[in-house]
Amino acid sequence: MKVQLHPEAEVELYEAAAWYEDRRPGLGESLLAAMTRWLDVIVAEPSMWPKWPHAPDLDPPIRQLIVERFPYAIAYQANSSCVLVLAFAHTSRRPFYWAKRARS
């Protein structure tokens, strides 16, 4: 199974890493490493993570994985061949700004 990052999700990830790196050298790299590990976990068991509460009801459903250590959640959809990452969403900011990225 492959992972595909929505182009806007990819921008979010690298902007967040740059922000953390500016705060403390090495922290941005830690964020990227953590996200890579979590994406591997999602690929291994994509249906393990819960549906995102109050997200649009789509098929495949939008799921969420809350990231440890950093205040982010990974919003994604998975089918039999691909995990589409919709957002690396900060947990204290605009809910569902990324919903328009979802596929039905």
PDB file of N, CA and C in Angstrom:
ATOM      1  N   MET A   1       0.846  -1.171   0.000  1.00  0.00           N
ATOM      2  CA  MET A   1       0.000   0.000   0.000  1.00  0.00           C
ATOM      3  C   MET A   1       0.898   1.244   0.000  1.00  0.00           C
ATOM      4  N   LYS A   2       0.528   2.220  -0.785  1.00  0.00           N
ATOM      5  CA  LYS A   2       1.330   3.430  -0.855  1.00  0.00           C
ATOM      6  C   LYS A   2       0.649   4.569  -0.095  1.00  0.00           C
ATOM      7  N   VAL A   3       1.437   5.568   0.248  1.00  0.00           N
ATOM      8  CA  VAL A   3       0.936   6.767   0.913  1.00  0.00           C
ATOM      9  C   VAL A   3       1.020   7.915  -0.080  1.00  0.00           C
ATOM     10  N   GLN A   4      -0.070   8.643  -0.193  1.00  0.00           N
ATOM     11  CA  GLN A   4      -0.104   9.829  -1.042  1.00  0.00           C
ATOM     12  C   GLN A   4      -0.461  11.017  -0.157  1.00  0.00           C
ATOM     13  N   LEU A   5       0.356  12.051  -0.191  1.00  0.00           N
ATOM     14  CA  LEU A   5       0.068  13.258   0.565  1.00  0.00           C
ATOM     15  C   LEU A   5      -0.665  14.234  -0.342  1.00  0.00           C
ATOM     16  N   HIS A   6      -1.801  14.732   0.129  1.00  0.00           N
ATOM     17  CA  HIS A   6      -2.456  15.820  -0.600  1.00  0.00           C
ATOM     18  C   HIS A   6      -1.432  16.952  -0.669  1.00  0.00           C
ATOM     19  N   PRO A   7      -1.332  17.657  -1.795  1.00  0.00           N
ATOM     20  CA  PRO A   7      -0.317  18.715  -1.897  1.00  0.00           C
ATOM     21  C   PRO A   7      -0.363  19.734  -0.758  1.00  0.00           C
ATOM     22  N   GLU A   8      -1.566  20.095  -0.314  1.00  0.00           N
ATOM     23  CA  GLU A   8      -1.675  21.049   0.793  1.00  0.00           C
ATOM     24  C   GLU A   8      -1.230  20.431   2.116  1.00  0.00           C
ATOM     25  N   ALA A   9      -1.446  19.132   2.275  1.00  0.00           N
ATOM     26  CA  ALA A   9      -0.976  18.449   3.485  1.00  0.00           C
ATOM     27  C   ALA A   9       0.546  18.426   3.523  1.00  0.00           C
ATOM     28  N   GLU A  10       1.158  18.210   2.373  1.00  0.00           N
ATOM     29  CA  GLU A  10       2.615  18.209   2.308  1.00  0.00           C
ATOM     30  C   GLU A  10       3.175  19.580   2.704  1.00  0.00           C
ATOM     31  N   VAL A  11       2.552  20.634   2.222  1.00  0.00           N
ATOM     32  CA  VAL A  11       2.976  21.993   2.590  1.00  0.00           C
ATOM     33  C   VAL A  11       2.822  22.195   4.097  1.00  0.00           C
ATOM     34  N   GLU A  12       1.693  21.760   4.654  1.00  0.00           N
ATOM     35  CA  GLU A  12       1.469  21.889   6.102  1.00  0.00           C
ATOM     36  C   GLU A  12       2.569  21.204   6.900  1.00  0.00           C
ATOM     37  N   LEU A  13       2.916  20.011   6.475  1.00  0.00           N
ATOM     38  CA  LEU A  13       3.924  19.240   7.203  1.00  0.00           C
ATOM     39  C   LEU A  13       5.268  19.963   7.206  1.00  0.00           C
ATOM     40  N   TYR A  14       5.710  20.407   6.051  1.00  0.00           N
ATOM     41  CA  TYR A  14       7.017  21.057   5.976  1.00  0.00           C
ATOM     42  C   TYR A  14       7.018  22.438   6.614  1.00  0.00           C
ATOM     43  N   GLU A  15       5.900  23.146   6.576  1.00  0.00           N
ATOM     44  CA  GLU A  15       5.819  24.430   7.278  1.00  0.00           C
ATOM     45  C   GLU A  15       5.875  24.216   8.790  1.00  0.00           C
ATOM     46  N   ALA A  16       5.187  23.189   9.278  1.00  0.00           N
ATOM     47  CA  ALA A  16       5.228  22.886  10.713  1.00  0.00           C
ATOM     48  C   ALA A  16       6.643  22.493  11.132  1.00  0.00           C
ATOM     49  N   ALA A  17       7.294  21.680  10.328  1.00  0.00           N
ATOM     50  CA  ALA A  17       8.668  21.265  10.651  1.00  0.00           C
ATOM     51  C   ALA A  17       9.599  22.476  10.688  1.00  0.00           C
ATOM     52  N   ALA A  18       9.437  23.382   9.746  1.00  0.00           N
ATOM     53  CA  ALA A  18      10.276  24.594   9.724  1.00  0.00           C
ATOM     54  C   ALA A  18      10.017  25.450  10.964  1.00  0.00           C
ATOM     55  N   TRP A  19       8.757  25.558  11.362  1.00  0.00           N
ATOM     56  CA  TRP A  19       8.404  26.351  12.552  1.00  0.00           C
ATOM     57  C   TRP A  19       9.082  25.754  13.789  1.00  0.00           C
ATOM     58  N   TYR A  20       8.970  24.433  13.959  1.00  0.00           N
ATOM     59  CA  TYR A  20       9.600  23.771  15.108  1.00  0.00           C
ATOM     60  C   TYR A  20      11.117  23.884  15.046  1.00  0.00           C
ATOM     61  N   GLU A  21      11.684  23.769  13.866  1.00  0.00           N
ATOM     62  CA  GLU A  21      13.136  23.860  13.708  1.00  0.00           C
ATOM     63  C   GLU A  21      13.627  25.257  14.091  1.00  0.00           C
ATOM     64  N   ASP A  22      12.841  26.287  13.767  1.00  0.00           N
ATOM     65  CA  ASP A  22      13.194  27.662  14.156  1.00  0.00           C
ATOM     66  C   ASP A  22      13.179  27.835  15.672  1.00  0.00           C
ATOM     67  N   ARG A  23      12.316  27.099  16.344  1.00  0.00           N
ATOM     68  CA  ARG A  23      12.213  27.210  17.801  1.00  0.00           C
ATOM     69  C   ARG A  23      13.352  26.504  18.500  1.00  0.00           C
ATOM     70  N   ARG A  24      13.695  25.317  17.991  1.00  0.00           N
ATOM     71  CA  ARG A  24      14.786  24.540  18.586  1.00  0.00           C
ATOM     72  C   ARG A  24      15.384  23.633  17.520  1.00  0.00           C
ATOM     73  N   PRO A  25      16.647  23.829  17.210  1.00  0.00           N
ATOM     74  CA  PRO A  25      17.287  22.993  16.193  1.00  0.00           C
ATOM     75  C   PRO A  25      17.112  21.503  16.509  1.00  0.00           C
ATOM     76  N   GLY A  26      16.709  20.766  15.492  1.00  0.00           N
ATOM     77  CA  GLY A  26      16.477  19.332  15.638  1.00  0.00           C
ATOM     78  C   GLY A  26      15.030  18.969  15.879  1.00  0.00           C
ATOM     79  N   LEU A  27      14.238  19.915  16.366  1.00  0.00           N
ATOM     80  CA  LEU A  27      12.845  19.602  16.679  1.00  0.00           C
ATOM     81  C   LEU A  27      12.009  19.413  15.415  1.00  0.00           C
ATOM     82  N   GLY A  28      12.322  20.169  14.378  1.00  0.00           N
ATOM     83  CA  GLY A  28      11.619  19.977  13.105  1.00  0.00           C
ATOM     84  C   GLY A  28      11.884  18.602  12.532  1.00  0.00           C
ATOM     85  N   GLU A  29      13.132  18.160  12.627  1.00  0.00           N
ATOM     86  CA  GLU A  29      13.482  16.806  12.174  1.00  0.00           C
ATOM     87  C   GLU A  29      12.758  15.754  13.006  1.00  0.00           C
ATOM     88  N   SER A  30      12.601  16.023  14.292  1.00  0.00           N
ATOM     89  CA  SER A  30      11.866  15.091  15.160  1.00  0.00           C
ATOM     90  C   SER A  30      10.406  14.992  14.733  1.00  0.00           C
ATOM     91  N   LEU A  31       9.820  16.130  14.369  1.00  0.00           N
ATOM     92  CA  LEU A  31       8.434  16.116  13.888  1.00  0.00           C
ATOM     93  C   LEU A  31       8.327  15.282  12.616  1.00  0.00           C
ATOM     94  N   LEU A  32       9.210  15.510  11.660  1.00  0.00           N
ATOM     95  CA  LEU A  32       9.168  14.747  10.412  1.00  0.00           C
ATOM     96  C   LEU A  32       9.361  13.254  10.665  1.00  0.00           C
ATOM     97  N   ALA A  33      10.274  12.905  11.540  1.00  0.00           N
ATOM     98  CA  ALA A  33      10.504  11.490  11.862  1.00  0.00           C
ATOM     99  C   ALA A  33       9.270  10.876  12.517  1.00  0.00           C
ATOM    100  N   ALA A  34       8.642  11.621  13.422  1.00  0.00           N
ATOM    101  CA  ALA A  34       7.431  11.119  14.093  1.00  0.00           C
ATOM    102  C   ALA A  34       6.313  10.900  13.083  1.00  0.00           C
ATOM    103  N   MET A  35       6.124  11.849  12.184  1.00  0.00           N
ATOM    104  CA  MET A  35       5.060  11.718  11.187  1.00  0.00           C
ATOM    105  C   MET A  35       5.329  10.530  10.262  1.00  0.00           C
ATOM    106  N   THR A  36       6.571  10.324   9.895  1.00  0.00           N
ATOM    107  CA  THR A  36       6.927   9.182   9.043  1.00  0.00           C
ATOM    108  C   THR A  36       6.609   7.869   9.751  1.00  0.00           C
ATOM    109  N   ARG A  37       6.954   7.793  11.032  1.00  0.00           N
ATOM    110  CA  ARG A  37       6.638   6.572  11.798  1.00  0.00           C
ATOM    111  C   ARG A  37       5.137   6.339  11.868  1.00  0.00           C
ATOM    112  N   TRP A  38       4.365   7.412  12.114  1.00  0.00           N
ATOM    113  CA  TRP A  38       2.913   7.262  12.215  1.00  0.00           C
ATOM    114  C   TRP A  38       2.302   6.879  10.872  1.00  0.00           C
ATOM    115  N   LEU A  39       2.845   7.395   9.783  1.00  0.00           N
ATOM    116  CA  LEU A  39       2.339   6.990   8.466  1.00  0.00           C
ATOM    117  C   LEU A  39       2.596   5.507   8.229  1.00  0.00           C
ATOM    118  N   ASP A  40       3.722   4.997   8.678  1.00  0.00           N
ATOM    119  CA  ASP A  40       3.994   3.563   8.576  1.00  0.00           C
ATOM    120  C   ASP A  40       2.973   2.747   9.369  1.00  0.00           C
ATOM    121  N   VAL A  41       2.600   3.249  10.535  1.00  0.00           N
ATOM    122  CA  VAL A  41       1.594   2.574  11.371  1.00  0.00           C
ATOM    123  C   VAL A  41       0.237   2.582  10.667  1.00  0.00           C
ATOM    124  N   ILE A  42      -0.121   3.719  10.080  1.00  0.00           N
ATOM    125  CA  ILE A  42      -1.395   3.810   9.364  1.00  0.00           C
ATOM    126  C   ILE A  42      -1.418   2.821   8.203  1.00  0.00           C
ATOM    127  N   VAL A  43      -0.350   2.761   7.431  1.00  0.00           N
ATOM    128  CA  VAL A  43      -0.286   1.844   6.285  1.00  0.00           C
ATOM    129  C   VAL A  43      -0.438   0.397   6.735  1.00  0.00           C
ATOM    130  N   ALA A  44       0.154   0.060   7.866  1.00  0.00           N
ATOM    131  CA  ALA A  44       0.076  -1.318   8.365  1.00  0.00           C
ATOM    132  C   ALA A  44      -1.348  -1.699   8.761  1.00  0.00           C
ATOM    133  N   GLU A  45      -2.105  -0.771   9.319  1.00  0.00           N
ATOM    134  CA  GLU A  45      -3.472  -1.044   9.794  1.00  0.00           C
ATOM    135  C   GLU A  45      -4.358   0.179   9.564  1.00  0.00           C
ATOM    136  N   PRO A  46      -4.708   0.494   8.327  1.00  0.00           N
ATOM    137  CA  PRO A  46      -5.435   1.736   8.060  1.00  0.00           C
ATOM    138  C   PRO A  46      -6.820   1.832   8.698  1.00  0.00           C
ATOM    139  N   SER A  47      -7.470   0.714   8.911  1.00  0.00           N
ATOM    140  CA  SER A  47      -8.819   0.775   9.495  1.00  0.00           C
ATOM    141  C   SER A  47      -8.805   0.749  11.022  1.00  0.00           C
ATOM    142  N   MET A  48      -7.621   0.675  11.603  1.00  0.00           N
ATOM    143  CA  MET A  48      -7.503   0.610  13.066  1.00  0.00           C
ATOM    144  C   MET A  48      -7.898   1.926  13.733  1.00  0.00           C
ATOM    145  N   TRP A  49      -7.670   3.026  13.066  1.00  0.00           N
ATOM    146  CA  TRP A  49      -7.877   4.336  13.673  1.00  0.00           C
ATOM    147  C   TRP A  49      -9.316   4.786  13.479  1.00  0.00           C
ATOM    148  N   PRO A  50      -9.852   5.534  14.434  1.00  0.00           N
ATOM    149  CA  PRO A  50     -11.280   5.878  14.395  1.00  0.00           C
ATOM    150  C   PRO A  50     -11.627   6.865  13.286  1.00  0.00           C
ATOM    151  N   LYS A  51     -12.895   6.836  12.936  1.00  0.00           N
ATOM    152  CA  LYS A  51     -13.403   7.855  12.027  1.00  0.00           C
ATOM    153  C   LYS A  51     -13.291   9.209  12.729  1.00  0.00           C
ATOM    154  N   TRP A  52     -13.018  10.241  11.949  1.00  0.00           N
ATOM    155  CA  TRP A  52     -12.884  11.583  12.515  1.00  0.00           C
ATOM    156  C   TRP A  52     -14.279  12.030  12.947  1.00  0.00           C
ATOM    157  N   PRO A  53     -14.470  12.340  14.229  1.00  0.00           N
ATOM    158  CA  PRO A  53     -15.799  12.741  14.709  1.00  0.00           C
ATOM    159  C   PRO A  53     -16.321  13.961  13.954  1.00  0.00           C
ATOM    160  N   HIS A  54     -17.554  13.877  13.541  1.00  0.00           N
ATOM    161  CA  HIS A  54     -18.273  14.972  12.872  1.00  0.00           C
ATOM    162  C   HIS A  54     -17.732  15.300  11.487  1.00  0.00           C
ATOM    163  N   ALA A  55     -16.868  14.448  10.948  1.00  0.00           N
ATOM    164  CA  ALA A  55     -16.381  14.657   9.584  1.00  0.00           C
ATOM    165  C   ALA A  55     -17.481  14.276   8.599  1.00  0.00           C
ATOM    166  N   PRO A  56     -17.398  14.783   7.377  1.00  0.00           N
ATOM    167  CA  PRO A  56     -18.384  14.368   6.369  1.00  0.00           C
ATOM    168  C   PRO A  56     -18.414  12.847   6.237  1.00  0.00           C
ATOM    169  N   ASP A  57     -19.598  12.312   6.018  1.00  0.00           N
ATOM    170  CA  ASP A  57     -19.781  10.865   5.903  1.00  0.00           C
ATOM    171  C   ASP A  57     -19.460  10.450   4.470  1.00  0.00           C
ATOM    172  N   LEU A  58     -18.265   9.931   4.268  1.00  0.00           N
ATOM    173  CA  LEU A  58     -17.788   9.559   2.941  1.00  0.00           C
ATOM    174  C   LEU A  58     -17.362   8.104   2.913  1.00  0.00           C
ATOM    175  N   ASP A  59     -17.219   7.580   1.715  1.00  0.00           N
ATOM    176  CA  ASP A  59     -16.685   6.240   1.535  1.00  0.00           C
ATOM    177  C   ASP A  59     -15.511   6.345   0.577  1.00  0.00           C
ATOM    178  N   PRO A  60     -14.291   6.103   1.006  1.00  0.00           N
ATOM    179  CA  PRO A  60     -13.900   5.631   2.339  1.00  0.00           C
ATOM    180  C   PRO A  60     -14.010   6.751   3.378  1.00  0.00           C
ATOM    181  N   PRO A  61     -14.209   6.365   4.633  1.00  0.00           N
ATOM    182  CA  PRO A  61     -14.360   7.385   5.686  1.00  0.00           C
ATOM    183  C   PRO A  61     -13.057   8.131   5.956  1.00  0.00           C
ATOM    184  N   ILE A  62     -13.214   9.311   6.488  1.00  0.00           N
ATOM    185  CA  ILE A  62     -12.059  10.087   6.945  1.00  0.00           C
ATOM    186  C   ILE A  62     -11.722   9.586   8.344  1.00  0.00           C
ATOM    187  N   ARG A  63     -10.478   9.220   8.535  1.00  0.00           N
ATOM    188  CA  ARG A  63     -10.024   8.714   9.830  1.00  0.00           C
ATOM    189  C   ARG A  63      -8.994   9.665  10.419  1.00  0.00           C
ATOM    190  N   GLN A  64      -8.762   9.482  11.708  1.00  0.00           N
ATOM    191  CA  GLN A  64      -7.782  10.344  12.376  1.00  0.00           C
ATOM    192  C   GLN A  64      -6.836   9.533  13.234  1.00  0.00           C
ATOM    193  N   LEU A  65      -5.614  10.002  13.262  1.00  0.00           N
ATOM    194  CA  LEU A  65      -4.623   9.471  14.183  1.00  0.00           C
ATOM    195  C   LEU A  65      -4.063  10.676  14.923  1.00  0.00           C
ATOM    196  N   ILE A  66      -4.183  10.674  16.230  1.00  0.00           N
ATOM    197  CA  ILE A  66      -3.641  11.748  17.057  1.00  0.00           C
ATOM    198  C   ILE A  66      -2.165  11.439  17.301  1.00  0.00           C
ATOM    199  N   VAL A  67      -1.324  12.379  16.961  1.00  0.00           N
ATOM    200  CA  VAL A  67       0.120  12.205  17.055  1.00  0.00           C
ATOM    201  C   VAL A  67       0.575  12.446  18.493  1.00  0.00           C
ATOM    202  N   GLU A  68       1.424  11.569  18.983  1.00  0.00           N
ATOM    203  CA  GLU A  68       2.009  11.764  20.313  1.00  0.00           C
ATOM    204  C   GLU A  68       3.130  12.798  20.227  1.00  0.00           C
ATOM    205  N   ARG A  69       3.323  13.533  21.284  1.00  0.00           N
ATOM    206  CA  ARG A  69       4.381  14.521  21.470  1.00  0.00           C
ATOM    207  C   ARG A  69       4.107  15.854  20.801  1.00  0.00           C
ATOM    208  N   PHE A  70       3.480  15.856  19.638  1.00  0.00           N
ATOM    209  CA  PHE A  70       3.188  17.091  18.918  1.00  0.00           C
ATOM    210  C   PHE A  70       1.669  17.275  18.843  1.00  0.00           C
ATOM    211  N   PRO A  71       1.191  18.527  18.837  1.00  0.00           N
ATOM    212  CA  PRO A  71      -0.262  18.755  18.845  1.00  0.00           C
ATOM    213  C   PRO A  71      -0.878  18.667  17.444  1.00  0.00           C
ATOM    214  N   TYR A  72      -0.740  17.510  16.830  1.00  0.00           N
ATOM    215  CA  TYR A  72      -1.243  17.314  15.475  1.00  0.00           C
ATOM    216  C   TYR A  72      -2.041  16.023  15.378  1.00  0.00           C
ATOM    217  N   ALA A  73      -2.943  16.019  14.408  1.00  0.00           N
ATOM    218  CA  ALA A  73      -3.671  14.814  14.034  1.00  0.00           C
ATOM    219  C   ALA A  73      -3.467  14.622  12.534  1.00  0.00           C
ATOM    220  N   ILE A  74      -3.403  13.383  12.131  1.00  0.00           N
ATOM    221  CA  ILE A  74      -3.305  13.061  10.711  1.00  0.00           C
ATOM    222  C   ILE A  74      -4.708  12.680  10.245  1.00  0.00           C
ATOM    223  N   ALA A  75      -5.228  13.440   9.280  1.00  0.00           N
ATOM    224  CA  ALA A  75      -6.525  13.137   8.671  1.00  0.00           C
ATOM    225  C   ALA A  75      -6.241  12.380   7.380  1.00  0.00           C
ATOM    226  N   TYR A  76      -6.902  11.232   7.217  1.00  0.00           N
ATOM    227  CA  TYR A  76      -6.623  10.425   6.029  1.00  0.00           C
ATOM    228  C   TYR A  76      -7.826   9.600   5.611  1.00  0.00           C
ATOM    229  N   GLN A  77      -7.773   9.152   4.369  1.00  0.00           N
ATOM    230  CA  GLN A  77      -8.715   8.183   3.825  1.00  0.00           C
ATOM    231  C   GLN A  77      -7.888   7.032   3.272  1.00  0.00           C
ATOM    232  N   ALA A  78      -8.406   5.829   3.396  1.00  0.00           N
ATOM    233  CA  ALA A  78      -7.666   4.664   2.901  1.00  0.00           C
ATOM    234  C   ALA A  78      -8.587   3.763   2.101  1.00  0.00           C
ATOM    235  N   ASN A  79      -8.081   3.311   0.969  1.00  0.00           N
ATOM    236  CA  ASN A  79      -8.763   2.261   0.224  1.00  0.00           C
ATOM    237  C   ASN A  79      -7.809   1.075   0.127  1.00  0.00           C
ATOM    238  N   SER A  80      -8.100   0.123  -0.714  1.00  0.00           N
ATOM    239  CA  SER A  80      -7.291  -1.098  -0.739  1.00  0.00           C
ATOM    240  C   SER A  80      -5.872  -0.887  -1.260  1.00  0.00           C
ATOM    241  N   SER A  81      -5.613   0.210  -1.956  1.00  0.00           N
ATOM    242  CA  SER A  81      -4.288   0.391  -2.537  1.00  0.00           C
ATOM    243  C   SER A  81      -3.540   1.635  -2.060  1.00  0.00           C
ATOM    244  N   CYS A  82      -4.228   2.550  -1.376  1.00  0.00           N
ATOM    245  CA  CYS A  82      -3.592   3.835  -1.076  1.00  0.00           C
ATOM    246  C   CYS A  82      -4.150   4.465   0.200  1.00  0.00           C
ATOM    247  N   VAL A  83      -3.259   5.114   0.918  1.00  0.00           N
ATOM    248  CA  VAL A  83      -3.658   5.980   2.029  1.00  0.00           C
ATOM    249  C   VAL A  83      -3.456   7.402   1.534  1.00  0.00           C
ATOM    250  N   LEU A  84      -4.534   8.171   1.495  1.00  0.00           N
ATOM    251  CA  LEU A  84      -4.468   9.570   1.101  1.00  0.00           C
ATOM    252  C   LEU A  84      -4.479  10.421   2.363  1.00  0.00           C
ATOM    253  N   VAL A  85      -3.378  11.118   2.621  1.00  0.00           N
ATOM    254  CA  VAL A  85      -3.300  12.005   3.775  1.00  0.00           C
ATOM    255  C   VAL A  85      -3.890  13.346   3.363  1.00  0.00           C
ATOM    256  N   LEU A  86      -4.968  13.715   4.035  1.00  0.00           N
ATOM    257  CA  LEU A  86      -5.666  14.963   3.727  1.00  0.00           C
ATOM    258  C   LEU A  86      -5.041  16.143   4.437  1.00  0.00           C
ATOM    259  N   ALA A  87      -4.546  15.910   5.665  1.00  0.00           N
ATOM    260  CA  ALA A  87      -4.008  17.027   6.442  1.00  0.00           C
ATOM    261  C   ALA A  87      -3.158  16.518   7.594  1.00  0.00           C
ATOM    262  N   PHE A  88      -2.207  17.357   7.935  1.00  0.00           N
ATOM    263  CA  PHE A  88      -1.498  17.261   9.207  1.00  0.00           C
ATOM    264  C   PHE A  88      -2.064  18.446   9.985  1.00  0.00           C
ATOM    265  N   ALA A  89      -3.146  18.199  10.696  1.00  0.00           N
ATOM    266  CA  ALA A  89      -3.953  19.270  11.276  1.00  0.00           C
ATOM    267  C   ALA A  89      -3.556  19.554  12.721  1.00  0.00           C
ATOM    268  N   HIS A  90      -3.280  20.808  13.003  1.00  0.00           N
ATOM    269  CA  HIS A  90      -3.001  21.211  14.378  1.00  0.00           C
ATOM    270  C   HIS A  90      -4.291  21.019  15.169  1.00  0.00           C
ATOM    271  N   THR A  91      -4.197  20.424  16.329  1.00  0.00           N
ATOM    272  CA  THR A  91      -5.392  20.067  17.094  1.00  0.00           C
ATOM    273  C   THR A  91      -6.084  21.255  17.754  1.00  0.00           C
ATOM    274  N   SER A  92      -5.450  22.425  17.771  1.00  0.00           N
ATOM    275  CA  SER A  92      -6.065  23.597  18.402  1.00  0.00           C
ATOM    276  C   SER A  92      -6.446  24.672  17.395  1.00  0.00           C
ATOM    277  N   ARG A  93      -6.486  24.308  16.137  1.00  0.00           N
ATOM    278  CA  ARG A  93      -6.798  25.299  15.105  1.00  0.00           C
ATOM    279  C   ARG A  93      -7.993  24.865  14.284  1.00  0.00           C
ATOM    280  N   ARG A  94      -8.374  25.651  13.353  1.00  0.00           N
ATOM    281  CA  ARG A  94      -9.542  25.524  12.478  1.00  0.00           C
ATOM    282  C   ARG A  94      -9.983  24.081  12.209  1.00  0.00           C
ATOM    283  N   PRO A  95     -11.071  23.656  12.814  1.00  0.00           N
ATOM    284  CA  PRO A  95     -11.543  22.297  12.538  1.00  0.00           C
ATOM    285  C   PRO A  95     -12.100  22.186  11.114  1.00  0.00           C
ATOM    286  N   PHE A  96     -11.807  21.101  10.465  1.00  0.00           N
ATOM    287  CA  PHE A  96     -12.337  20.719   9.150  1.00  0.00           C
ATOM    288  C   PHE A  96     -11.984  21.657   8.008  1.00  0.00           C
ATOM    289  N   TYR A  97     -10.983  22.503   8.163  1.00  0.00           N
ATOM    290  CA  TYR A  97     -10.560  23.351   7.047  1.00  0.00           C
ATOM    291  C   TYR A  97     -10.125  22.496   5.859  1.00  0.00           C
ATOM    292  N   TRP A  98      -9.735  21.263   6.131  1.00  0.00           N
ATOM    293  CA  TRP A  98      -9.186  20.356   5.130  1.00  0.00           C
ATOM    294  C   TRP A  98     -10.248  19.459   4.492  1.00  0.00           C
ATOM    295  N   ALA A  99     -11.487  19.524   4.951  1.00  0.00           N
ATOM    296  CA  ALA A  99     -12.529  18.583   4.508  1.00  0.00           C
ATOM    297  C   ALA A  99     -12.750  18.608   2.989  1.00  0.00           C
ATOM    298  N   LYS A 100     -12.544  19.744   2.367  1.00  0.00           N
ATOM    299  CA  LYS A 100     -12.738  19.839   0.912  1.00  0.00           C
ATOM    300  C   LYS A 100     -11.713  19.011   0.135  1.00  0.00           C
ATOM    301  N   ARG A 101     -10.683  18.564   0.797  1.00  0.00           N
ATOM    302  CA  ARG A 101      -9.645  17.748   0.154  1.00  0.00           C
ATOM    303  C   ARG A 101     -10.045  16.278   0.024  1.00  0.00           C
ATOM    304  N   ALA A 102     -11.076  15.876   0.725  1.00  0.00           N
ATOM    305  CA  ALA A 102     -11.476  14.473   0.783  1.00  0.00           C
ATOM    306  C   ALA A 102     -12.051  14.002  -0.562  1.00  0.00           C
ATOM    307  N   ARG A 103     -11.938  12.704  -0.788  1.00  0.00           N
ATOM    308  CA  ARG A 103     -12.494  12.070  -1.978  1.00  0.00           C
ATOM    309  C   ARG A 103     -13.644  11.179  -1.579  1.00  0.00           C
ATOM    310  N   SER A 104     -14.641  11.131  -2.411  1.00  0.00           N
ATOM    311  CA  SER A 104     -15.757  10.209  -2.123  1.00  0.00           C
ATOM    312  C   SER A 104     -15.850   9.156  -3.190  1.00  0.00           C
TER     313      SER A 104
END
